[in-house]
Amino acid sequence: MTDRPLTLAVPKGRVLKVLAPLFKTAGVDTEGLLADDRKLVRETPNGIRFLLLKPDDVPTYVEYGAADLGVSGRDVLLERRYDLYQPLDLGIGKCRMVVAGMAGETTPPVPRVATKYPHIATDHFASQGVQAEVIFVQGSVELAPLVGLADVIVDIVETGDTLRENGLVEREVITHISSVVVANRAQFKLRRREIDPLLTALRSAVQSA
């Protein structure tokens, strides 16, 4: 067993504010986790160390063993194709990955697709026998069909308000997204005695939420 504290990589920002109460219910001291400072490594009296990261970086730290566990959205895991164990769905950050296009228009046989998720988009259309032209865009994906850059978009939707305000409608749901606990496969085996009680407590916290 390693002398390093059990290390969890967690996303900074909005998700952390929802995640912290779950950890608290699970018996983890979260006072330091929510401290208003710029520290990226937070130690708890429980012997757990948190790494505060950008959401897209969480699985990388876990996959390469810098963290034993992490919390990541399924969208990041699907897009980056990480080889991580996913022992628990936390049921937070719920949204859906959809194909959307302009209201009243049909999708052509070989569509141009604007998205921040090129792998997910390519795999989805390929599963339907469609060889789509996928265009990677970083932000304001909804703009692409409005100006003729793309026929449809593939993006995450929570309420659908942004789509409606820009004259877009959902065509189909690719998959439902939520935040899950991810684990480094090797560390999960080596530190099972430390990890299992935490997962059991988190599972109970999720069920009681």
N, C-alpha and C. Protein backbone atom coordinates (compact mmCIF):
# COMPACT_ATOMS: atom_id res chain seq x y z
N MET A 1 0.85 -1.21 0.00
CA MET A 1 0.00 0.00 0.00
C MET A 1 0.88 1.24 0.00
N THR A 2 0.50 2.21 -0.81
CA THR A 2 1.27 3.44 -0.92
C THR A 2 1.06 4.33 0.30
N ASP A 3 2.10 5.16 0.60
CA ASP A 3 2.00 6.11 1.71
C ASP A 3 1.26 7.38 1.28
N ARG A 4 1.05 7.54 -0.01
CA ARG A 4 0.35 8.73 -0.51
C ARG A 4 -1.11 8.71 -0.08
N PRO A 5 -1.66 9.87 0.32
CA PRO A 5 -3.09 9.90 0.68
C PRO A 5 -3.94 9.47 -0.51
N LEU A 6 -5.10 8.92 -0.22
CA LEU A 6 -6.05 8.61 -1.28
C LEU A 6 -6.38 9.92 -2.00
N THR A 7 -6.14 9.94 -3.30
CA THR A 7 -6.21 11.19 -4.05
C THR A 7 -7.36 11.18 -5.05
N LEU A 8 -8.18 12.23 -4.97
CA LEU A 8 -9.33 12.37 -5.85
C LEU A 8 -9.19 13.62 -6.70
N ALA A 9 -9.36 13.48 -8.00
CA ALA A 9 -9.38 14.62 -8.92
C ALA A 9 -10.82 15.04 -9.13
N VAL A 10 -11.10 16.31 -8.86
CA VAL A 10 -12.48 16.80 -8.98
C VAL A 10 -12.50 18.08 -9.82
N PRO A 11 -13.61 18.33 -10.53
CA PRO A 11 -13.70 19.52 -11.37
C PRO A 11 -13.98 20.78 -10.57
N LYS A 12 -13.29 21.84 -10.92
CA LYS A 12 -13.56 23.13 -10.30
C LYS A 12 -14.87 23.70 -10.86
N GLY A 13 -15.44 24.66 -10.11
CA GLY A 13 -16.59 25.38 -10.64
C GLY A 13 -17.94 24.82 -10.23
N ARG A 14 -18.88 24.88 -11.16
CA ARG A 14 -20.29 24.59 -10.86
C ARG A 14 -20.50 23.17 -10.33
N VAL A 15 -19.84 22.20 -10.94
CA VAL A 15 -20.04 20.81 -10.53
C VAL A 15 -19.55 20.58 -9.10
N LEU A 16 -18.45 21.24 -8.73
CA LEU A 16 -17.90 21.06 -7.38
C LEU A 16 -18.89 21.50 -6.32
N LYS A 17 -19.65 22.55 -6.59
CA LYS A 17 -20.62 23.05 -5.60
C LYS A 17 -21.74 22.05 -5.37
N VAL A 18 -22.05 21.25 -6.37
CA VAL A 18 -23.05 20.20 -6.21
C VAL A 18 -22.43 18.94 -5.63
N LEU A 19 -21.17 18.71 -5.98
CA LEU A 19 -20.46 17.51 -5.54
C LEU A 19 -20.11 17.54 -4.06
N ALA A 20 -19.73 18.71 -3.55
CA ALA A 20 -19.28 18.84 -2.16
C ALA A 20 -20.31 18.33 -1.15
N PRO A 21 -21.61 18.67 -1.30
CA PRO A 21 -22.58 18.14 -0.33
C PRO A 21 -22.67 16.61 -0.33
N LEU A 22 -22.45 15.98 -1.48
CA LEU A 22 -22.45 14.52 -1.53
C LEU A 22 -21.30 13.95 -0.71
N PHE A 23 -20.11 14.55 -0.87
CA PHE A 23 -18.97 14.11 -0.08
C PHE A 23 -19.21 14.34 1.41
N LYS A 24 -19.82 15.47 1.75
CA LYS A 24 -20.10 15.76 3.16
C LYS A 24 -21.05 14.73 3.74
N THR A 25 -22.10 14.39 2.98
CA THR A 25 -23.05 13.37 3.44
C THR A 25 -22.36 12.02 3.58
N ALA A 26 -21.34 11.80 2.76
CA ALA A 26 -20.59 10.54 2.82
C ALA A 26 -19.55 10.52 3.94
N GLY A 27 -19.50 11.61 4.73
CA GLY A 27 -18.60 11.65 5.87
C GLY A 27 -17.24 12.25 5.60
N VAL A 28 -17.07 12.89 4.45
CA VAL A 28 -15.80 13.52 4.12
C VAL A 28 -15.86 15.00 4.52
N ASP A 29 -14.83 15.47 5.24
CA ASP A 29 -14.77 16.88 5.64
C ASP A 29 -14.53 17.73 4.39
N THR A 30 -15.47 18.59 4.04
CA THR A 30 -15.37 19.37 2.81
C THR A 30 -15.06 20.85 3.06
N GLU A 31 -14.76 21.21 4.30
CA GLU A 31 -14.50 22.63 4.60
C GLU A 31 -13.33 23.15 3.78
N GLY A 32 -12.25 22.38 3.74
CA GLY A 32 -11.09 22.79 2.96
C GLY A 32 -11.34 22.74 1.47
N LEU A 33 -12.20 21.82 1.06
CA LEU A 33 -12.50 21.67 -0.37
C LEU A 33 -13.17 22.91 -0.93
N LEU A 34 -14.00 23.57 -0.12
CA LEU A 34 -14.74 24.74 -0.58
C LEU A 34 -14.11 26.06 -0.17
N ALA A 35 -12.90 26.02 0.37
CA ALA A 35 -12.23 27.24 0.81
C ALA A 35 -12.04 28.20 -0.36
N ASP A 36 -12.21 29.47 -0.10
CA ASP A 36 -12.12 30.49 -1.14
C ASP A 36 -10.67 30.95 -1.32
N ASP A 37 -9.87 30.09 -1.93
CA ASP A 37 -8.48 30.44 -2.23
C ASP A 37 -8.08 29.78 -3.55
N ARG A 38 -6.83 29.94 -3.92
CA ARG A 38 -6.37 29.45 -5.22
C ARG A 38 -5.61 28.12 -5.12
N LYS A 39 -5.63 27.48 -3.97
CA LYS A 39 -4.93 26.21 -3.81
C LYS A 39 -5.57 25.14 -4.70
N LEU A 40 -4.73 24.41 -5.41
CA LEU A 40 -5.21 23.36 -6.30
C LEU A 40 -5.15 21.98 -5.66
N VAL A 41 -4.47 21.89 -4.51
CA VAL A 41 -4.40 20.64 -3.75
C VAL A 41 -4.98 20.90 -2.37
N ARG A 42 -6.01 20.15 -2.01
CA ARG A 42 -6.70 20.36 -0.72
C ARG A 42 -6.63 19.06 0.10
N GLU A 43 -6.11 19.14 1.29
CA GLU A 43 -6.04 17.98 2.19
C GLU A 43 -7.22 18.03 3.16
N THR A 44 -7.74 16.87 3.54
CA THR A 44 -8.83 16.80 4.51
C THR A 44 -8.38 16.02 5.73
N PRO A 45 -9.03 16.26 6.88
CA PRO A 45 -8.70 15.49 8.08
C PRO A 45 -8.98 13.99 7.92
N ASN A 46 -9.78 13.63 6.92
CA ASN A 46 -10.10 12.23 6.68
C ASN A 46 -8.97 11.47 6.00
N GLY A 47 -7.88 12.17 5.67
CA GLY A 47 -6.79 11.51 4.96
C GLY A 47 -7.02 11.41 3.47
N ILE A 48 -7.87 12.28 2.94
CA ILE A 48 -8.14 12.32 1.51
C ILE A 48 -7.56 13.61 0.94
N ARG A 49 -6.95 13.49 -0.21
CA ARG A 49 -6.40 14.66 -0.88
C ARG A 49 -7.20 14.91 -2.16
N PHE A 50 -7.63 16.16 -2.34
CA PHE A 50 -8.37 16.54 -3.54
C PHE A 50 -7.48 17.36 -4.47
N LEU A 51 -7.54 17.07 -5.76
CA LEU A 51 -6.90 17.89 -6.78
C LEU A 51 -8.01 18.63 -7.52
N LEU A 52 -7.95 19.96 -7.55
CA LEU A 52 -8.96 20.76 -8.23
C LEU A 52 -8.49 21.07 -9.65
N LEU A 53 -9.24 20.57 -10.63
CA LEU A 53 -8.80 20.64 -12.02
C LEU A 53 -9.91 21.16 -12.92
N LYS A 54 -9.53 21.52 -14.14
CA LYS A 54 -10.53 21.78 -15.17
C LYS A 54 -11.21 20.45 -15.49
N PRO A 55 -12.52 20.47 -15.76
CA PRO A 55 -13.25 19.21 -15.98
C PRO A 55 -12.62 18.30 -17.02
N ASP A 56 -12.12 18.87 -18.11
CA ASP A 56 -11.55 18.04 -19.18
C ASP A 56 -10.27 17.33 -18.75
N ASP A 57 -9.60 17.84 -17.70
CA ASP A 57 -8.32 17.26 -17.28
C ASP A 57 -8.47 16.15 -16.25
N VAL A 58 -9.62 16.06 -15.61
CA VAL A 58 -9.79 15.09 -14.53
C VAL A 58 -9.46 13.66 -14.98
N PRO A 59 -10.02 13.15 -16.07
CA PRO A 59 -9.73 11.75 -16.44
C PRO A 59 -8.25 11.52 -16.77
N THR A 60 -7.56 12.53 -17.28
CA THR A 60 -6.14 12.36 -17.61
C THR A 60 -5.33 12.10 -16.35
N TYR A 61 -5.60 12.87 -15.29
CA TYR A 61 -4.88 12.69 -14.03
C TYR A 61 -5.16 11.31 -13.43
N VAL A 62 -6.37 10.83 -13.62
CA VAL A 62 -6.72 9.50 -13.09
C VAL A 62 -6.10 8.41 -13.94
N GLU A 63 -6.18 8.54 -15.24
CA GLU A 63 -5.65 7.50 -16.13
C GLU A 63 -4.15 7.30 -15.94
N TYR A 64 -3.43 8.39 -15.71
CA TYR A 64 -1.98 8.29 -15.56
C TYR A 64 -1.54 8.09 -14.11
N GLY A 65 -2.50 7.90 -13.19
CA GLY A 65 -2.17 7.53 -11.83
C GLY A 65 -1.81 8.66 -10.90
N ALA A 66 -1.92 9.91 -11.35
CA ALA A 66 -1.66 11.03 -10.45
C ALA A 66 -2.78 11.16 -9.42
N ALA A 67 -3.96 10.64 -9.76
CA ALA A 67 -5.09 10.55 -8.82
C ALA A 67 -5.63 9.13 -8.87
N ASP A 68 -6.12 8.66 -7.73
CA ASP A 68 -6.67 7.30 -7.67
C ASP A 68 -8.09 7.27 -8.21
N LEU A 69 -8.85 8.30 -7.86
CA LEU A 69 -10.24 8.42 -8.28
C LEU A 69 -10.48 9.81 -8.84
N GLY A 70 -11.59 9.98 -9.53
CA GLY A 70 -11.96 11.30 -10.02
C GLY A 70 -13.45 11.37 -10.27
N VAL A 71 -13.92 12.56 -10.57
CA VAL A 71 -15.32 12.75 -10.94
C VAL A 71 -15.34 13.43 -12.30
N SER A 72 -15.99 12.78 -13.26
CA SER A 72 -15.97 13.30 -14.63
C SER A 72 -17.33 13.13 -15.27
N GLY A 73 -17.65 14.01 -16.22
CA GLY A 73 -18.85 13.85 -17.01
C GLY A 73 -18.68 12.75 -18.04
N ARG A 74 -19.74 12.04 -18.33
CA ARG A 74 -19.66 10.96 -19.33
C ARG A 74 -19.29 11.50 -20.71
N ASP A 75 -19.63 12.76 -20.99
CA ASP A 75 -19.30 13.33 -22.29
C ASP A 75 -17.79 13.35 -22.52
N VAL A 76 -17.04 13.74 -21.49
CA VAL A 76 -15.58 13.78 -21.62
C VAL A 76 -15.03 12.37 -21.80
N LEU A 77 -15.55 11.42 -21.06
CA LEU A 77 -15.07 10.03 -21.14
C LEU A 77 -15.35 9.44 -22.52
N LEU A 78 -16.53 9.70 -23.06
CA LEU A 78 -16.88 9.18 -24.39
C LEU A 78 -16.05 9.82 -25.48
N GLU A 79 -15.87 11.14 -25.38
CA GLU A 79 -15.13 11.84 -26.43
C GLU A 79 -13.66 11.49 -26.43
N ARG A 80 -13.05 11.38 -25.25
CA ARG A 80 -11.61 11.13 -25.17
C ARG A 80 -11.27 9.65 -25.14
N ARG A 81 -12.28 8.80 -24.94
CA ARG A 81 -12.10 7.33 -24.98
C ARG A 81 -11.08 6.85 -23.94
N TYR A 82 -11.25 7.32 -22.72
CA TYR A 82 -10.35 6.91 -21.63
C TYR A 82 -10.61 5.47 -21.21
N ASP A 83 -9.53 4.81 -20.76
CA ASP A 83 -9.64 3.45 -20.25
C ASP A 83 -9.71 3.50 -18.72
N LEU A 84 -10.88 3.83 -18.20
CA LEU A 84 -11.05 3.99 -16.77
C LEU A 84 -12.24 3.17 -16.28
N TYR A 85 -12.13 2.69 -15.07
CA TYR A 85 -13.24 2.00 -14.42
C TYR A 85 -14.24 3.05 -13.94
N GLN A 86 -15.53 2.76 -14.09
CA GLN A 86 -16.58 3.71 -13.70
C GLN A 86 -17.51 3.04 -12.68
N PRO A 87 -17.13 3.05 -11.39
CA PRO A 87 -17.87 2.28 -10.40
C PRO A 87 -19.17 2.91 -9.90
N LEU A 88 -19.39 4.22 -10.15
CA LEU A 88 -20.57 4.85 -9.54
C LEU A 88 -21.03 6.06 -10.34
N ASP A 89 -22.33 6.07 -10.66
CA ASP A 89 -22.96 7.25 -11.26
C ASP A 89 -23.49 8.12 -10.13
N LEU A 90 -23.05 9.36 -10.08
CA LEU A 90 -23.43 10.26 -8.99
C LEU A 90 -24.77 10.94 -9.22
N GLY A 91 -25.30 10.85 -10.42
CA GLY A 91 -26.62 11.42 -10.70
C GLY A 91 -26.65 12.94 -10.68
N ILE A 92 -25.50 13.58 -10.85
CA ILE A 92 -25.46 15.05 -10.88
C ILE A 92 -24.97 15.50 -12.26
N GLY A 93 -25.19 16.77 -12.57
CA GLY A 93 -24.78 17.28 -13.88
C GLY A 93 -25.54 16.63 -15.01
N LYS A 94 -26.81 16.29 -14.77
CA LYS A 94 -27.57 15.57 -15.80
C LYS A 94 -27.90 16.45 -16.99
N CYS A 95 -27.67 15.91 -18.18
CA CYS A 95 -28.02 16.59 -19.42
C CYS A 95 -28.04 15.52 -20.51
N ARG A 96 -28.11 15.93 -21.76
CA ARG A 96 -28.16 14.94 -22.83
C ARG A 96 -27.36 15.43 -24.03
N MET A 97 -26.79 14.49 -24.75
CA MET A 97 -26.06 14.79 -25.98
C MET A 97 -27.03 14.59 -27.13
N VAL A 98 -27.23 15.64 -27.94
CA VAL A 98 -28.26 15.57 -28.97
C VAL A 98 -27.73 16.00 -30.33
N VAL A 99 -28.48 15.60 -31.35
CA VAL A 99 -28.34 16.17 -32.69
C VAL A 99 -29.44 17.20 -32.83
N ALA A 100 -29.09 18.41 -33.26
CA ALA A 100 -30.08 19.47 -33.41
C ALA A 100 -29.86 20.19 -34.73
N GLY A 101 -30.96 20.72 -35.28
CA GLY A 101 -30.87 21.46 -36.53
C GLY A 101 -31.94 22.53 -36.60
N MET A 102 -31.95 23.26 -37.68
CA MET A 102 -32.92 24.34 -37.86
C MET A 102 -34.33 23.78 -37.95
N ALA A 103 -35.27 24.43 -37.27
CA ALA A 103 -36.66 24.01 -37.31
C ALA A 103 -37.18 24.07 -38.74
N GLY A 104 -37.90 23.02 -39.16
CA GLY A 104 -38.50 22.99 -40.49
C GLY A 104 -37.58 22.51 -41.59
N GLU A 105 -36.31 22.25 -41.28
CA GLU A 105 -35.38 21.75 -42.29
C GLU A 105 -35.07 20.28 -42.04
N THR A 106 -34.71 19.56 -43.09
CA THR A 106 -34.36 18.15 -42.97
C THR A 106 -32.85 17.99 -43.07
N THR A 107 -32.35 16.91 -42.49
CA THR A 107 -30.92 16.62 -42.53
C THR A 107 -30.57 15.95 -43.85
N PRO A 108 -29.61 16.48 -44.61
CA PRO A 108 -29.23 15.86 -45.89
C PRO A 108 -28.56 14.51 -45.68
N PRO A 109 -28.47 13.68 -46.73
CA PRO A 109 -27.88 12.33 -46.61
C PRO A 109 -26.45 12.35 -46.10
N VAL A 110 -25.67 13.35 -46.51
CA VAL A 110 -24.30 13.49 -46.02
C VAL A 110 -24.21 14.86 -45.32
N PRO A 111 -24.56 14.90 -44.05
CA PRO A 111 -24.64 16.19 -43.36
C PRO A 111 -23.29 16.75 -42.94
N ARG A 112 -23.23 18.07 -42.86
CA ARG A 112 -22.10 18.73 -42.22
C ARG A 112 -22.49 18.98 -40.77
N VAL A 113 -21.65 18.53 -39.85
CA VAL A 113 -21.98 18.53 -38.43
C VAL A 113 -20.97 19.38 -37.67
N ALA A 114 -21.42 20.41 -37.00
CA ALA A 114 -20.55 21.23 -36.16
C ALA A 114 -20.66 20.74 -34.72
N THR A 115 -19.52 20.60 -34.05
CA THR A 115 -19.55 20.04 -32.70
C THR A 115 -18.23 20.25 -31.96
N LYS A 116 -18.33 20.24 -30.63
CA LYS A 116 -17.15 20.19 -29.78
C LYS A 116 -16.75 18.75 -29.49
N TYR A 117 -17.55 17.81 -30.01
CA TYR A 117 -17.35 16.39 -29.72
C TYR A 117 -17.24 15.59 -31.02
N PRO A 118 -16.13 15.75 -31.75
CA PRO A 118 -16.01 15.11 -33.06
C PRO A 118 -16.05 13.58 -33.02
N HIS A 119 -15.45 12.96 -32.00
CA HIS A 119 -15.48 11.50 -31.93
C HIS A 119 -16.90 10.98 -31.69
N ILE A 120 -17.60 11.61 -30.75
CA ILE A 120 -18.97 11.19 -30.47
C ILE A 120 -19.85 11.37 -31.70
N ALA A 121 -19.71 12.51 -32.38
CA ALA A 121 -20.52 12.77 -33.56
C ALA A 121 -20.21 11.77 -34.68
N THR A 122 -18.93 11.54 -34.93
CA THR A 122 -18.54 10.61 -35.99
C THR A 122 -19.05 9.21 -35.71
N ASP A 123 -18.88 8.75 -34.46
CA ASP A 123 -19.33 7.41 -34.10
C ASP A 123 -20.85 7.28 -34.22
N HIS A 124 -21.56 8.34 -33.82
CA HIS A 124 -23.03 8.28 -33.87
C HIS A 124 -23.53 8.16 -35.30
N PHE A 125 -23.05 9.00 -36.18
CA PHE A 125 -23.53 8.94 -37.56
C PHE A 125 -23.04 7.68 -38.27
N ALA A 126 -21.82 7.24 -37.95
CA ALA A 126 -21.31 6.01 -38.54
C ALA A 126 -22.18 4.81 -38.15
N SER A 127 -22.70 4.82 -36.91
CA SER A 127 -23.56 3.71 -36.46
C SER A 127 -24.86 3.66 -37.25
N GLN A 128 -25.20 4.76 -37.93
CA GLN A 128 -26.39 4.82 -38.77
C GLN A 128 -26.05 4.66 -40.25
N GLY A 129 -24.78 4.35 -40.52
CA GLY A 129 -24.34 4.18 -41.90
C GLY A 129 -24.16 5.49 -42.64
N VAL A 130 -23.99 6.58 -41.90
CA VAL A 130 -23.84 7.91 -42.50
C VAL A 130 -22.40 8.39 -42.31
N GLN A 131 -21.76 8.78 -43.41
CA GLN A 131 -20.40 9.31 -43.33
C GLN A 131 -20.48 10.83 -43.29
N ALA A 132 -20.71 11.37 -42.12
CA ALA A 132 -20.90 12.81 -41.96
C ALA A 132 -19.59 13.57 -42.07
N GLU A 133 -19.67 14.82 -42.50
CA GLU A 133 -18.52 15.71 -42.48
C GLU A 133 -18.56 16.48 -41.16
N VAL A 134 -17.65 16.15 -40.28
CA VAL A 134 -17.66 16.72 -38.93
C VAL A 134 -16.70 17.90 -38.85
N ILE A 135 -17.22 19.03 -38.38
CA ILE A 135 -16.44 20.25 -38.26
C ILE A 135 -16.27 20.58 -36.78
N PHE A 136 -15.04 20.65 -36.32
CA PHE A 136 -14.78 20.93 -34.91
C PHE A 136 -14.88 22.42 -34.64
N VAL A 137 -15.71 22.79 -33.67
CA VAL A 137 -15.81 24.17 -33.21
C VAL A 137 -15.74 24.18 -31.69
N GLN A 138 -15.15 25.19 -31.12
CA GLN A 138 -14.93 25.24 -29.67
C GLN A 138 -16.12 25.78 -28.91
N GLY A 139 -16.79 26.80 -29.45
CA GLY A 139 -17.89 27.42 -28.73
C GLY A 139 -18.93 27.97 -29.67
N SER A 140 -20.06 28.42 -29.09
CA SER A 140 -21.18 28.96 -29.88
C SER A 140 -21.57 28.01 -31.01
N VAL A 141 -21.69 26.74 -30.66
CA VAL A 141 -22.00 25.71 -31.66
C VAL A 141 -23.33 26.01 -32.35
N GLU A 142 -24.27 26.58 -31.61
CA GLU A 142 -25.61 26.83 -32.16
C GLU A 142 -25.58 27.80 -33.34
N LEU A 143 -24.51 28.58 -33.45
CA LEU A 143 -24.41 29.55 -34.54
C LEU A 143 -24.19 28.87 -35.90
N ALA A 144 -23.56 27.71 -35.90
CA ALA A 144 -23.14 27.07 -37.16
C ALA A 144 -24.28 26.87 -38.17
N PRO A 145 -25.45 26.32 -37.77
CA PRO A 145 -26.52 26.17 -38.76
C PRO A 145 -27.12 27.50 -39.20
N LEU A 146 -27.06 28.51 -38.34
CA LEU A 146 -27.66 29.80 -38.66
C LEU A 146 -26.93 30.50 -39.80
N VAL A 147 -25.63 30.27 -39.92
CA VAL A 147 -24.84 30.97 -40.94
C VAL A 147 -24.38 30.05 -42.07
N GLY A 148 -24.89 28.80 -42.07
CA GLY A 148 -24.58 27.89 -43.15
C GLY A 148 -23.29 27.12 -43.01
N LEU A 149 -22.64 27.21 -41.85
CA LEU A 149 -21.42 26.43 -41.65
C LEU A 149 -21.72 24.94 -41.59
N ALA A 150 -22.88 24.59 -41.00
CA ALA A 150 -23.22 23.18 -40.84
C ALA A 150 -24.72 22.99 -41.00
N ASP A 151 -25.10 21.74 -41.28
CA ASP A 151 -26.52 21.40 -41.38
C ASP A 151 -27.13 21.15 -40.00
N VAL A 152 -26.34 20.49 -39.16
CA VAL A 152 -26.79 20.16 -37.80
C VAL A 152 -25.64 20.32 -36.84
N ILE A 153 -25.95 20.26 -35.55
CA ILE A 153 -24.92 20.28 -34.52
C ILE A 153 -25.08 19.06 -33.62
N VAL A 154 -24.00 18.68 -32.97
CA VAL A 154 -24.04 17.70 -31.89
C VAL A 154 -23.51 18.41 -30.66
N ASP A 155 -24.35 18.50 -29.63
CA ASP A 155 -23.94 19.26 -28.45
C ASP A 155 -24.71 18.78 -27.22
N ILE A 156 -24.25 19.25 -26.07
CA ILE A 156 -24.91 18.95 -24.80
C ILE A 156 -26.05 19.93 -24.58
N VAL A 157 -27.19 19.41 -24.14
CA VAL A 157 -28.36 20.23 -23.87
C VAL A 157 -28.87 19.90 -22.48
N GLU A 158 -29.18 20.95 -21.72
CA GLU A 158 -29.76 20.74 -20.39
C GLU A 158 -31.24 21.11 -20.40
N THR A 159 -31.54 22.36 -20.68
CA THR A 159 -32.94 22.80 -20.73
C THR A 159 -33.46 22.94 -22.16
N GLY A 160 -32.56 23.16 -23.11
CA GLY A 160 -32.98 23.37 -24.49
C GLY A 160 -33.29 24.82 -24.82
N ASP A 161 -33.14 25.72 -23.85
CA ASP A 161 -33.49 27.12 -24.06
C ASP A 161 -32.63 27.77 -25.15
N THR A 162 -31.32 27.48 -25.14
CA THR A 162 -30.43 28.09 -26.14
C THR A 162 -30.79 27.63 -27.55
N LEU A 163 -31.16 26.36 -27.69
CA LEU A 163 -31.59 25.87 -29.00
C LEU A 163 -32.81 26.63 -29.48
N ARG A 164 -33.81 26.71 -28.62
CA ARG A 164 -35.07 27.35 -29.01
C ARG A 164 -34.87 28.82 -29.36
N GLU A 165 -34.04 29.50 -28.57
CA GLU A 165 -33.82 30.93 -28.81
C GLU A 165 -33.09 31.19 -30.13
N ASN A 166 -32.46 30.16 -30.67
CA ASN A 166 -31.75 30.31 -31.94
C ASN A 166 -32.41 29.54 -33.08
N GLY A 167 -33.69 29.16 -32.88
CA GLY A 167 -34.45 28.54 -33.95
C GLY A 167 -34.07 27.11 -34.25
N LEU A 168 -33.45 26.43 -33.28
CA LEU A 168 -33.04 25.04 -33.47
C LEU A 168 -33.96 24.10 -32.69
N VAL A 169 -34.05 22.87 -33.19
CA VAL A 169 -34.84 21.85 -32.50
C VAL A 169 -34.01 20.57 -32.40
N GLU A 170 -34.29 19.80 -31.36
CA GLU A 170 -33.62 18.51 -31.21
C GLU A 170 -34.14 17.53 -32.26
N ARG A 171 -33.22 16.84 -32.92
CA ARG A 171 -33.59 15.81 -33.89
C ARG A 171 -33.58 14.42 -33.23
N GLU A 172 -32.59 14.19 -32.39
CA GLU A 172 -32.49 12.90 -31.69
C GLU A 172 -31.53 13.03 -30.51
N VAL A 173 -31.72 12.15 -29.54
CA VAL A 173 -30.83 12.09 -28.38
C VAL A 173 -29.80 10.99 -28.63
N ILE A 174 -28.54 11.34 -28.54
CA ILE A 174 -27.47 10.36 -28.72
C ILE A 174 -27.27 9.55 -27.44
N THR A 175 -27.16 10.26 -26.32
CA THR A 175 -26.97 9.59 -25.04
C THR A 175 -27.27 10.56 -23.91
N HIS A 176 -27.57 10.02 -22.75
CA HIS A 176 -27.77 10.85 -21.56
C HIS A 176 -26.44 10.95 -20.80
N ILE A 177 -26.20 12.14 -20.26
CA ILE A 177 -24.92 12.45 -19.62
C ILE A 177 -25.14 12.75 -18.14
N SER A 178 -24.21 12.31 -17.31
CA SER A 178 -24.19 12.67 -15.89
C SER A 178 -22.74 12.56 -15.41
N SER A 179 -22.49 12.96 -14.19
CA SER A 179 -21.15 12.86 -13.62
C SER A 179 -20.98 11.51 -12.94
N VAL A 180 -19.84 10.89 -13.17
CA VAL A 180 -19.57 9.57 -12.61
C VAL A 180 -18.23 9.56 -11.89
N VAL A 181 -18.09 8.64 -10.95
CA VAL A 181 -16.78 8.41 -10.33
C VAL A 181 -15.98 7.53 -11.27
N VAL A 182 -14.75 7.94 -11.55
CA VAL A 182 -13.85 7.13 -12.37
C VAL A 182 -12.65 6.71 -11.53
N ALA A 183 -12.09 5.57 -11.87
CA ALA A 183 -10.97 5.04 -11.08
C ALA A 183 -9.87 4.53 -11.99
N ASN A 184 -8.64 4.80 -11.59
CA ASN A 184 -7.49 4.19 -12.25
C ASN A 184 -7.56 2.68 -11.99
N ARG A 185 -7.50 1.89 -13.04
CA ARG A 185 -7.73 0.45 -12.88
C ARG A 185 -6.71 -0.22 -11.96
N ALA A 186 -5.46 0.15 -12.07
CA ALA A 186 -4.42 -0.45 -11.22
C ALA A 186 -4.59 -0.02 -9.77
N GLN A 187 -4.80 1.28 -9.56
CA GLN A 187 -4.95 1.79 -8.20
C GLN A 187 -6.22 1.27 -7.53
N PHE A 188 -7.25 1.03 -8.33
CA PHE A 188 -8.49 0.49 -7.77
C PHE A 188 -8.25 -0.87 -7.12
N LYS A 189 -7.39 -1.65 -7.73
CA LYS A 189 -7.06 -2.97 -7.16
C LYS A 189 -6.12 -2.84 -5.96
N LEU A 190 -5.12 -1.97 -6.08
CA LEU A 190 -4.13 -1.83 -5.02
C LEU A 190 -4.70 -1.18 -3.76
N ARG A 191 -5.66 -0.26 -3.92
CA ARG A 191 -6.17 0.50 -2.79
C ARG A 191 -7.63 0.18 -2.51
N ARG A 192 -8.03 -1.02 -2.83
CA ARG A 192 -9.43 -1.42 -2.71
C ARG A 192 -9.97 -1.24 -1.29
N ARG A 193 -9.16 -1.51 -0.29
CA ARG A 193 -9.62 -1.39 1.10
C ARG A 193 -9.93 0.05 1.49
N GLU A 194 -9.25 1.01 0.87
CA GLU A 194 -9.52 2.41 1.14
C GLU A 194 -10.66 2.94 0.27
N ILE A 195 -10.71 2.45 -0.96
CA ILE A 195 -11.68 2.97 -1.93
C ILE A 195 -13.09 2.46 -1.66
N ASP A 196 -13.21 1.18 -1.33
CA ASP A 196 -14.55 0.59 -1.17
C ASP A 196 -15.41 1.29 -0.12
N PRO A 197 -14.88 1.62 1.08
CA PRO A 197 -15.72 2.32 2.06
C PRO A 197 -16.18 3.68 1.56
N LEU A 198 -15.32 4.41 0.84
CA LEU A 198 -15.70 5.71 0.31
C LEU A 198 -16.80 5.56 -0.73
N LEU A 199 -16.67 4.58 -1.62
CA LEU A 199 -17.70 4.36 -2.65
C LEU A 199 -19.02 3.95 -2.02
N THR A 200 -18.96 3.13 -0.98
CA THR A 200 -20.18 2.70 -0.29
C THR A 200 -20.89 3.91 0.34
N ALA A 201 -20.10 4.79 0.98
CA ALA A 201 -20.67 5.98 1.60
C ALA A 201 -21.24 6.94 0.55
N LEU A 202 -20.52 7.09 -0.58
CA LEU A 202 -21.02 7.95 -1.65
C LEU A 202 -22.28 7.40 -2.28
N ARG A 203 -22.34 6.09 -2.43
CA ARG A 203 -23.53 5.45 -3.00
C ARG A 203 -24.75 5.71 -2.11
N SER A 204 -24.55 5.61 -0.82
CA SER A 204 -25.64 5.90 0.12
C SER A 204 -26.05 7.36 0.05
N ALA A 205 -25.05 8.25 -0.09
CA ALA A 205 -25.34 9.69 -0.18
C ALA A 205 -26.15 10.00 -1.45
N VAL A 206 -25.81 9.33 -2.54
CA VAL A 206 -26.55 9.53 -3.80
C VAL A 206 -28.01 9.05 -3.65
N GLN A 207 -28.17 7.91 -3.02
CA GLN A 207 -29.51 7.34 -2.86
C GLN A 207 -30.38 8.19 -1.94
N SER A 208 -29.76 8.89 -0.99
CA SER A 208 -30.54 9.69 -0.04
C SER A 208 -30.75 11.13 -0.52
N ALA A 209 -30.05 11.50 -1.60
CA ALA A 209 -30.14 12.88 -2.11
C ALA A 209 -31.51 13.18 -2.71
